[in-house]
Amino acid sequence: MQLDTIHKTILPIIKKAEKIILDAYHGTVKVFSKEGQDSAVSIVTATDREVDAFLRKALVKVLPGSGFITEETKDTNPTADYVWIIDPIDGTANFANHIPIFGISLALWYKGKPVYGVLSFPEIGETVHAIKGQGVFYNNKPFRRPKTSAKNRKDEITSLYCQPERFEKRLRTFEKVKDFIAFPQDYRSAAYHFALIALGRFDCAIIINLPIWDFAAGILIAEEVGLYNAFLTPFPDLAKQDFRDYKNSFVMAKKDVALKLAAKLSLE
């Protein structure tokens, strides 16, 4: 696969997946609870499953023999050289409740590292993608993250936050960073958080206990736009990790901020 042309190949596939999503969003969304789970973030829709199946079928033709790690179905050949890592609808709870903050997170990893990632938000008309070594693109045009101006922002860190756990655990995380971040916000879509940070609309994201499909594309986009991912947990090992276990945590920001926040969060 030639990385310099990969997005031209993938974009028509993404557009077809977006149409499946929007047809349901503006029609009828069929919602189910995930087996053995009952929280608001543990729902799945018929559309999640439909998009998952469509993407698998389309992408295996792009890279025959490639592996798949996706939220909705069992992993397929996750130790292959090329592995697609997909969340067909990130922000399912928003999607199911007709809140327009949801999207597709699709990444391609090569030998355990991300080389291509795309975050697509069809209802709000925004797409961010990155190719390893080629930078970031916003709605398919080259993008450079703006430098924050002190004249336009108060002297505080604007942060996004994602931790799909009970309120008590979330409070413990807040307690560790309360002197550094005043109002961490959560849009209930990790992919949307990563896009907002890459585009310079927020300074950082605190990510606690998320599965790999939520961030596989986002971390490459962050790196390509000049940000840093400070992992609190070991970097995912595609050959060994249990991908159904939500235990990946990191801070995404400029390097000094990411390391400072990571140090605070790692304190017991």
Protein backbone atom coordinates (compact mmCIF):
# COMPACT_ATOMS: atom_id res chain seq x y z
CA MET A 1 0.00 0.00 0.00
CA GLN A 2 1.35 3.39 -1.03
CA LEU A 3 0.72 5.74 1.88
CA ASP A 4 0.81 8.84 -0.27
CA THR A 5 -2.31 7.70 -2.13
CA ILE A 6 -4.12 5.80 0.62
CA HIS A 7 -6.62 8.55 1.45
CA LYS A 8 -7.78 8.80 -2.16
CA THR A 9 -8.58 5.09 -1.94
CA ILE A 10 -10.24 5.26 1.47
CA LEU A 11 -12.27 8.47 1.03
CA PRO A 12 -15.01 6.95 -1.20
CA ILE A 13 -15.38 4.13 1.35
CA ILE A 14 -15.75 6.65 4.17
CA LYS A 15 -18.37 8.57 2.19
CA LYS A 16 -20.46 5.43 1.72
CA ALA A 17 -20.19 4.66 5.43
CA GLU A 18 -21.26 8.22 6.23
CA LYS A 19 -24.37 7.78 4.09
CA ILE A 20 -25.34 4.63 6.00
CA ILE A 21 -24.97 6.55 9.25
CA LEU A 22 -26.86 9.66 8.16
CA ASP A 23 -29.72 7.68 6.62
CA ALA A 24 -30.28 6.07 10.01
CA TYR A 25 -29.71 9.27 11.99
CA HIS A 26 -32.36 11.11 9.99
CA GLY A 27 -34.61 8.05 9.98
CA THR A 28 -34.87 5.40 12.67
CA VAL A 29 -32.05 4.44 15.04
CA LYS A 30 -32.41 0.92 16.45
CA VAL A 31 -30.72 0.70 19.86
CA PHE A 32 -29.60 -2.38 21.81
CA SER A 33 -27.76 -2.91 25.09
CA LYS A 34 -24.41 -4.64 24.90
CA GLU A 35 -24.51 -8.08 26.44
CA GLY A 36 -23.87 -7.97 30.16
CA GLN A 37 -23.70 -4.17 30.31
CA ASP A 38 -26.33 -1.62 31.23
CA SER A 39 -24.75 1.85 31.32
CA ALA A 40 -25.55 4.64 28.88
CA VAL A 41 -22.15 4.28 27.23
CA SER A 42 -22.66 0.54 26.70
CA ILE A 43 -25.27 0.64 23.99
CA VAL A 44 -24.95 -0.36 20.37
CA THR A 45 -27.16 0.40 17.38
CA ALA A 46 -27.99 -1.61 14.31
CA THR A 47 -26.11 1.08 12.38
CA ASP A 48 -22.87 0.45 14.32
CA ARG A 49 -23.02 -3.15 13.19
CA GLU A 50 -23.97 -2.32 9.63
CA VAL A 51 -21.13 0.16 9.22
CA ASP A 52 -18.68 -2.24 10.85
CA ALA A 53 -19.60 -4.99 8.39
CA PHE A 54 -19.45 -2.60 5.42
CA LEU A 55 -16.01 -1.27 6.35
CA ARG A 56 -14.57 -4.72 6.90
CA LYS A 57 -15.80 -5.93 3.54
CA ALA A 58 -14.54 -2.84 1.72
CA LEU A 59 -11.17 -2.49 3.45
CA VAL A 60 -10.08 -6.11 3.10
CA LYS A 61 -10.26 -5.54 -0.66
CA VAL A 62 -7.95 -2.54 -0.28
CA LEU A 63 -5.39 -4.61 1.64
CA PRO A 64 -5.95 -8.36 1.18
CA GLY A 65 -4.70 -10.28 4.19
CA SER A 66 -4.90 -7.30 6.53
CA GLY A 67 -6.17 -7.73 10.08
CA PHE A 68 -9.08 -6.05 11.86
CA ILE A 69 -9.67 -4.81 15.39
CA THR A 70 -13.11 -3.25 15.68
CA GLU A 71 -15.51 -2.47 18.49
CA GLU A 72 -18.45 -4.49 17.24
CA THR A 73 -16.97 -7.83 16.13
CA LYS A 74 -14.23 -10.26 17.07
CA ASP A 75 -10.68 -9.41 16.09
CA THR A 76 -9.39 -10.88 12.84
CA ASN A 77 -5.66 -11.53 12.40
CA PRO A 78 -4.57 -8.67 14.74
CA THR A 79 -0.90 -9.68 14.39
CA ALA A 80 -0.83 -9.07 10.62
CA ASP A 81 1.62 -6.45 9.33
CA TYR A 82 -1.30 -4.20 8.35
CA VAL A 83 -4.22 -3.93 10.79
CA TRP A 84 -7.33 -1.77 10.45
CA ILE A 85 -8.58 -0.46 13.82
CA ILE A 86 -12.12 0.85 13.64
CA ASP A 87 -14.87 2.37 15.71
CA PRO A 88 -17.75 2.50 13.21
CA ILE A 89 -19.64 5.11 15.25
CA ASP A 90 -17.71 6.78 18.04
CA GLY A 91 -20.23 8.58 20.23
CA THR A 92 -22.96 5.98 19.87
CA ALA A 93 -24.93 7.39 22.81
CA ASN A 94 -24.99 10.79 21.09
CA PHE A 95 -25.98 9.20 17.78
CA ALA A 96 -28.80 7.22 19.41
CA ASN A 97 -30.13 10.36 21.10
CA HIS A 98 -29.88 12.54 17.96
CA ILE A 99 -27.02 14.61 19.30
CA PRO A 100 -24.85 15.44 16.26
CA ILE A 101 -21.45 14.77 17.88
CA PHE A 102 -20.52 11.32 16.57
CA GLY A 103 -18.30 9.97 13.86
CA ILE A 104 -16.16 7.27 12.31
CA SER A 105 -12.70 6.56 13.69
CA LEU A 106 -10.61 4.52 11.26
CA ALA A 107 -6.89 3.79 11.53
CA LEU A 108 -4.37 1.68 9.69
CA TRP A 109 -1.44 0.40 11.73
CA TYR A 110 1.68 -1.13 10.22
CA LYS A 111 3.80 -3.45 12.36
CA GLY A 112 2.25 -2.13 15.55
CA LYS A 113 2.33 1.61 14.79
CA PRO A 114 -0.27 3.96 13.23
CA VAL A 115 0.47 5.11 9.68
CA TYR A 116 -2.94 6.45 8.62
CA GLY A 117 -5.95 7.76 10.51
CA VAL A 118 -9.21 9.48 9.70
CA LEU A 119 -11.90 10.97 11.94
CA SER A 120 -15.11 11.78 10.11
CA PHE A 121 -18.12 13.58 11.61
CA PRO A 122 -20.82 13.44 8.93
CA GLU A 123 -23.60 15.40 10.60
CA ILE A 124 -21.41 18.46 11.24
CA GLY A 125 -19.44 18.12 8.01
CA GLU A 126 -15.91 17.86 9.40
CA THR A 127 -13.18 15.34 8.56
CA VAL A 128 -9.63 15.23 9.89
CA HIS A 129 -7.07 12.78 8.59
CA ALA A 130 -3.34 12.20 8.79
CA ILE A 131 -0.75 10.16 6.94
CA LYS A 132 2.50 9.26 8.69
CA GLY A 133 5.13 11.83 7.78
CA GLN A 134 2.75 13.92 5.66
CA GLY A 135 0.92 16.00 8.23
CA VAL A 136 -2.75 16.61 8.94
CA PHE A 137 -5.61 17.45 6.60
CA TYR A 138 -8.88 19.18 7.47
CA ASN A 139 -11.72 18.46 5.04
CA ASN A 140 -9.04 17.09 2.69
CA LYS A 141 -6.92 20.25 2.68
CA PRO A 142 -3.50 20.55 4.38
CA PHE A 143 -3.87 21.95 7.89
CA ARG A 144 -1.44 23.57 10.31
CA ARG A 145 -2.50 23.85 13.93
CA PRO A 146 -2.71 27.52 14.97
CA LYS A 147 -0.58 28.79 17.82
CA THR A 148 -2.64 29.84 20.82
CA SER A 149 -2.65 33.60 21.33
CA ALA A 150 -2.62 34.93 24.88
CA LYS A 151 -4.74 37.83 23.66
CA ASN A 152 -7.53 35.46 22.69
CA ARG A 153 -7.48 33.12 25.68
CA LYS A 154 -7.21 33.44 29.44
CA ASP A 155 -4.16 31.95 31.13
CA GLU A 156 -5.70 28.53 31.69
CA ILE A 157 -5.53 25.10 30.10
CA THR A 158 -8.68 24.18 28.19
CA SER A 159 -9.16 20.45 28.45
CA LEU A 160 -11.31 17.63 27.20
CA TYR A 161 -11.83 14.52 29.26
CA CYS A 162 -12.99 10.97 28.64
CA GLN A 163 -13.36 8.19 31.20
CA PRO A 164 -16.20 5.68 30.71
CA GLU A 165 -16.46 4.73 34.38
CA ARG A 166 -18.61 5.46 37.38
CA PHE A 167 -18.74 8.95 38.82
CA GLU A 168 -16.64 8.05 41.86
CA LYS A 169 -13.67 7.06 39.69
CA ARG A 170 -14.07 10.12 37.51
CA LEU A 171 -13.97 12.34 40.62
CA ARG A 172 -10.67 10.79 41.67
CA THR A 173 -9.20 11.72 38.32
CA PHE A 174 -10.52 15.29 38.57
CA GLU A 175 -9.03 15.61 42.06
CA LYS A 176 -5.53 14.99 40.69
CA VAL A 177 -5.69 17.76 38.07
CA LYS A 178 -8.02 20.30 39.68
CA ASP A 179 -5.23 22.80 40.32
CA PHE A 180 -4.11 22.66 36.71
CA ILE A 181 -7.39 22.37 34.80
CA ALA A 182 -10.52 24.18 35.93
CA PHE A 183 -13.29 22.80 33.73
CA PRO A 184 -12.53 19.58 31.81
CA GLN A 185 -15.29 18.97 29.28
CA ASP A 186 -16.69 15.74 27.89
CA TYR A 187 -18.61 15.56 24.60
CA ARG A 188 -19.03 11.77 24.94
CA SER A 189 -16.95 11.10 21.83
CA ALA A 190 -13.21 10.53 22.18
CA ALA A 191 -12.76 10.87 18.42
CA TYR A 192 -14.37 14.31 18.50
CA HIS A 193 -12.07 15.31 21.36
CA PHE A 194 -9.01 14.38 19.31
CA ALA A 195 -10.26 16.36 16.33
CA LEU A 196 -10.91 19.43 18.47
CA ILE A 197 -7.41 19.31 19.94
CA ALA A 198 -5.74 18.71 16.58
CA LEU A 199 -7.62 21.70 15.17
CA GLY A 200 -6.43 23.91 18.05
CA ARG A 201 -9.82 24.45 19.63
CA PHE A 202 -8.73 22.91 22.96
CA ASP A 203 -5.33 22.49 24.58
CA CYS A 204 -5.36 18.92 25.79
CA ALA A 205 -7.30 15.74 26.44
CA ILE A 206 -7.18 13.42 29.43
CA ILE A 207 -8.05 9.89 28.36
CA ILE A 208 -8.60 7.26 31.04
CA ASN A 209 -9.32 3.57 30.39
CA LEU A 210 -10.36 3.60 26.75
CA PRO A 211 -10.22 0.78 24.17
CA ILE A 212 -7.81 1.01 21.27
CA TRP A 213 -10.47 1.64 18.60
CA ASP A 214 -11.32 4.96 20.26
CA PHE A 215 -7.83 6.43 19.83
CA ALA A 216 -6.00 4.43 17.15
CA ALA A 217 -6.54 7.19 14.57
CA GLY A 218 -6.46 10.13 16.99
CA ILE A 219 -2.96 9.57 18.34
CA LEU A 220 -1.43 9.69 14.85
CA ILE A 221 -3.35 12.85 14.00
CA ALA A 222 -2.07 14.43 17.21
CA GLU A 223 1.53 13.49 16.45
CA GLU A 224 1.33 14.75 12.88
CA VAL A 225 0.01 18.11 14.04
CA GLY A 226 2.89 18.46 16.51
CA LEU A 227 1.30 17.26 19.74
CA TYR A 228 2.47 14.61 22.18
CA ASN A 229 0.75 11.52 23.58
CA ALA A 230 2.00 10.83 27.11
CA PHE A 231 0.84 7.29 27.89
CA LEU A 232 0.11 6.40 31.52
CA THR A 233 -0.27 2.77 30.51
CA PRO A 234 1.99 0.74 28.19
CA PHE A 235 1.63 1.58 24.52
CA PRO A 236 -0.77 -0.97 22.94
CA ASP A 237 0.88 -4.18 21.78
CA LEU A 238 -1.18 -5.63 18.93
CA ALA A 239 0.45 -9.02 19.43
CA LYS A 240 -0.45 -9.36 23.11
CA GLN A 241 -3.17 -6.98 24.27
CA ASP A 242 -6.73 -7.95 25.16
CA PHE A 243 -8.56 -5.35 23.11
CA ARG A 244 -11.85 -5.89 24.93
CA ASP A 245 -10.17 -4.64 28.12
CA TYR A 246 -10.54 -0.87 28.54
CA LYS A 247 -7.16 -0.05 30.07
CA ASN A 248 -5.43 2.51 27.89
CA SER A 249 -4.79 5.91 29.45
CA PHE A 250 -2.82 8.92 28.20
CA VAL A 251 -2.69 12.69 27.95
CA MET A 252 -2.71 14.42 24.55
CA ALA A 253 -1.28 17.95 24.43
CA LYS A 254 1.88 19.91 23.70
CA LYS A 255 4.72 17.92 25.17
CA ASP A 256 5.36 20.03 28.29
CA VAL A 257 1.68 20.10 29.21
CA ALA A 258 1.19 16.40 28.44
CA LEU A 259 4.12 15.35 30.64
CA LYS A 260 3.07 17.65 33.50
CA LEU A 261 -0.48 16.31 33.50
CA ALA A 262 0.69 12.71 33.10
CA ALA A 263 2.92 13.12 36.17
CA LYS A 264 -0.01 14.36 38.22
CA LEU A 265 -2.27 11.56 37.07
CA SER A 266 0.28 8.84 37.73
CA LEU A 267 0.57 9.75 41.41
CA GLU A 268 -1.12 7.20 43.67
